[in-house]
Amino acid sequence: MCIKETGSENIAVIISDINLDPFSKELEGYAFFLHWSAEDPDLPFILISGDQSLWDLPAVRAEDVSFLAKPFNLYDLLATVRCVMRE
């Protein structure tokens, strides 16, 4: 799904892994968040990762984006979705 085609007002929440390519050092999911949060600051995001060192990313550390460390359970995911939907 393309956000521009769908319209960000039609998207309830985006959940993305920070590192979309396990063979790359690039943090594509984080770059995706940075791009769209600049484009539409009200678009709710949840970033996930199995790499707990990513808590140190500036937007995560500043709590500009919700972060879930893998592994997480369904209840943690649902609680986080509910939280970002209320913001």
C-alpha atoms as a PDB file:
ATOM      1  CA  MET A   1       0.000   0.000   0.000  1.00  0.00           C
ATOM      2  CA  CYS A   2       1.309   3.430  -0.895  1.00  0.00           C
ATOM      3  CA  ILE A   3       0.639   6.110   1.705  1.00  0.00           C
ATOM      4  CA  LYS A   4       0.439   8.847  -0.918  1.00  0.00           C
ATOM      5  CA  GLU A   5      -2.187   6.928  -2.910  1.00  0.00           C
ATOM      6  CA  THR A   6      -4.233   5.873   0.123  1.00  0.00           C
ATOM      7  CA  GLY A   7      -3.904   9.148   1.974  1.00  0.00           C
ATOM      8  CA  SER A   8      -2.425   9.197   5.436  1.00  0.00           C
ATOM      9  CA  GLU A   9      -5.786  10.237   6.899  1.00  0.00           C
ATOM     10  CA  ASN A  10      -7.045   6.728   5.988  1.00  0.00           C
ATOM     11  CA  ILE A  11      -4.278   4.939   7.908  1.00  0.00           C
ATOM     12  CA  ALA A  12      -4.899   4.182  11.575  1.00  0.00           C
ATOM     13  CA  VAL A  13      -1.346   3.152  12.537  1.00  0.00           C
ATOM     14  CA  ILE A  14       1.878   2.010  10.880  1.00  0.00           C
ATOM     15  CA  ILE A  15       3.904  -0.773  12.466  1.00  0.00           C
ATOM     16  CA  SER A  16       7.364  -1.267  11.005  1.00  0.00           C
ATOM     17  CA  ASP A  17      10.513  -3.089  11.904  1.00  0.00           C
ATOM     18  CA  ILE A  18      13.409  -0.658  12.170  1.00  0.00           C
ATOM     19  CA  ASN A  19      15.704  -2.873  10.127  1.00  0.00           C
ATOM     20  CA  LEU A  20      13.716  -4.137   7.135  1.00  0.00           C
ATOM     21  CA  ASP A  21      16.665  -5.953   5.533  1.00  0.00           C
ATOM     22  CA  PRO A  22      18.551  -8.256   7.898  1.00  0.00           C
ATOM     23  CA  PHE A  23      21.589  -8.175   5.572  1.00  0.00           C
ATOM     24  CA  SER A  24      21.842  -4.387   5.564  1.00  0.00           C
ATOM     25  CA  LYS A  25      23.232  -1.978   8.134  1.00  0.00           C
ATOM     26  CA  GLU A  26      20.743   0.639   6.902  1.00  0.00           C
ATOM     27  CA  LEU A  27      17.764   1.275   9.153  1.00  0.00           C
ATOM     28  CA  GLU A  28      15.099   1.489   6.440  1.00  0.00           C
ATOM     29  CA  GLY A  29      12.146   1.343   8.824  1.00  0.00           C
ATOM     30  CA  TYR A  30      13.587   4.179  10.887  1.00  0.00           C
ATOM     31  CA  ALA A  31      14.187   6.246   7.739  1.00  0.00           C
ATOM     32  CA  PHE A  32      10.592   5.478   6.688  1.00  0.00           C
ATOM     33  CA  PHE A  33       9.371   6.808  10.042  1.00  0.00           C
ATOM     34  CA  LEU A  34      11.518   9.956   9.816  1.00  0.00           C
ATOM     35  CA  HIS A  35      10.261  10.709   6.311  1.00  0.00           C
ATOM     36  CA  TRP A  36       6.588  10.265   7.112  1.00  0.00           C
ATOM     37  CA  SER A  37       6.686  11.924  10.514  1.00  0.00           C
ATOM     38  CA  ALA A  38       8.096  15.018   8.788  1.00  0.00           C
ATOM     39  CA  GLU A  39       5.458  14.749   6.045  1.00  0.00           C
ATOM     40  CA  ASP A  40       2.546  14.025   8.409  1.00  0.00           C
ATOM     41  CA  PRO A  41       3.366  14.419  12.134  1.00  0.00           C
ATOM     42  CA  ASP A  42      -0.043  13.041  13.162  1.00  0.00           C
ATOM     43  CA  LEU A  43       0.504   9.663  11.460  1.00  0.00           C
ATOM     44  CA  PRO A  44       0.845   7.145  14.333  1.00  0.00           C
ATOM     45  CA  PHE A  45       3.899   4.865  14.156  1.00  0.00           C
ATOM     46  CA  ILE A  46       5.155   1.924  16.149  1.00  0.00           C
ATOM     47  CA  LEU A  47       8.704   0.796  15.469  1.00  0.00           C
ATOM     48  CA  ILE A  48       9.798  -2.707  16.437  1.00  0.00           C
ATOM     49  CA  SER A  49      13.188  -4.398  16.621  1.00  0.00           C
ATOM     50  CA  GLY A  50      14.983  -7.328  18.129  1.00  0.00           C
ATOM     51  CA  ASP A  51      18.049  -5.127  18.597  1.00  0.00           C
ATOM     52  CA  GLN A  52      17.629  -3.442  21.969  1.00  0.00           C
ATOM     53  CA  SER A  53      20.535  -1.079  21.244  1.00  0.00           C
ATOM     54  CA  LEU A  54      18.162   0.782  18.917  1.00  0.00           C
ATOM     55  CA  TRP A  55      16.594   2.372  22.000  1.00  0.00           C
ATOM     56  CA  ASP A  56      19.426   4.870  21.468  1.00  0.00           C
ATOM     57  CA  LEU A  57      18.054   6.169  18.147  1.00  0.00           C
ATOM     58  CA  PRO A  58      17.225   9.866  18.608  1.00  0.00           C
ATOM     59  CA  ALA A  59      13.452   9.646  17.947  1.00  0.00           C
ATOM     60  CA  VAL A  60      13.115   6.549  20.148  1.00  0.00           C
ATOM     61  CA  ARG A  61      15.162   8.088  22.972  1.00  0.00           C
ATOM     62  CA  ALA A  62      13.129  11.328  22.732  1.00  0.00           C
ATOM     63  CA  GLU A  63       9.918   9.242  22.767  1.00  0.00           C
ATOM     64  CA  ASP A  64       8.811  10.767  19.450  1.00  0.00           C
ATOM     65  CA  VAL A  65       7.844   7.261  18.336  1.00  0.00           C
ATOM     66  CA  SER A  66       6.626   4.166  20.172  1.00  0.00           C
ATOM     67  CA  PHE A  67       9.122   1.306  20.274  1.00  0.00           C
ATOM     68  CA  LEU A  68       8.518  -2.371  20.985  1.00  0.00           C
ATOM     69  CA  ALA A  69      11.430  -4.715  21.565  1.00  0.00           C
ATOM     70  CA  LYS A  70      11.094  -8.192  20.097  1.00  0.00           C
ATOM     71  CA  PRO A  71      10.031 -10.621  21.199  1.00  0.00           C
ATOM     72  CA  PHE A  72       6.818  -9.063  22.424  1.00  0.00           C
ATOM     73  CA  ASN A  73       3.445 -10.619  23.096  1.00  0.00           C
ATOM     74  CA  LEU A  74       0.100  -9.778  21.543  1.00  0.00           C
ATOM     75  CA  TYR A  75      -1.048  -7.940  24.663  1.00  0.00           C
ATOM     76  CA  ASP A  76       1.954  -5.586  24.561  1.00  0.00           C
ATOM     77  CA  LEU A  77       1.317  -4.911  20.882  1.00  0.00           C
ATOM     78  CA  LEU A  78      -2.372  -4.203  21.450  1.00  0.00           C
ATOM     79  CA  ALA A  79      -1.618  -1.913  24.402  1.00  0.00           C
ATOM     80  CA  THR A  80       0.884   0.023  22.306  1.00  0.00           C
ATOM     81  CA  VAL A  81      -1.561   0.317  19.387  1.00  0.00           C
ATOM     82  CA  ARG A  82      -4.262   1.594  21.748  1.00  0.00           C
ATOM     83  CA  CYS A  83      -1.823   4.101  23.223  1.00  0.00           C
ATOM     84  CA  VAL A  84      -0.713   5.571  19.883  1.00  0.00           C
ATOM     85  CA  MET A  85      -4.311   5.689  18.653  1.00  0.00           C
ATOM     86  CA  ARG A  86      -5.265   7.906  21.631  1.00  0.00           C
ATOM     87  CA  GLU A  87      -2.411  10.371  21.068  1.00  0.00           C
END
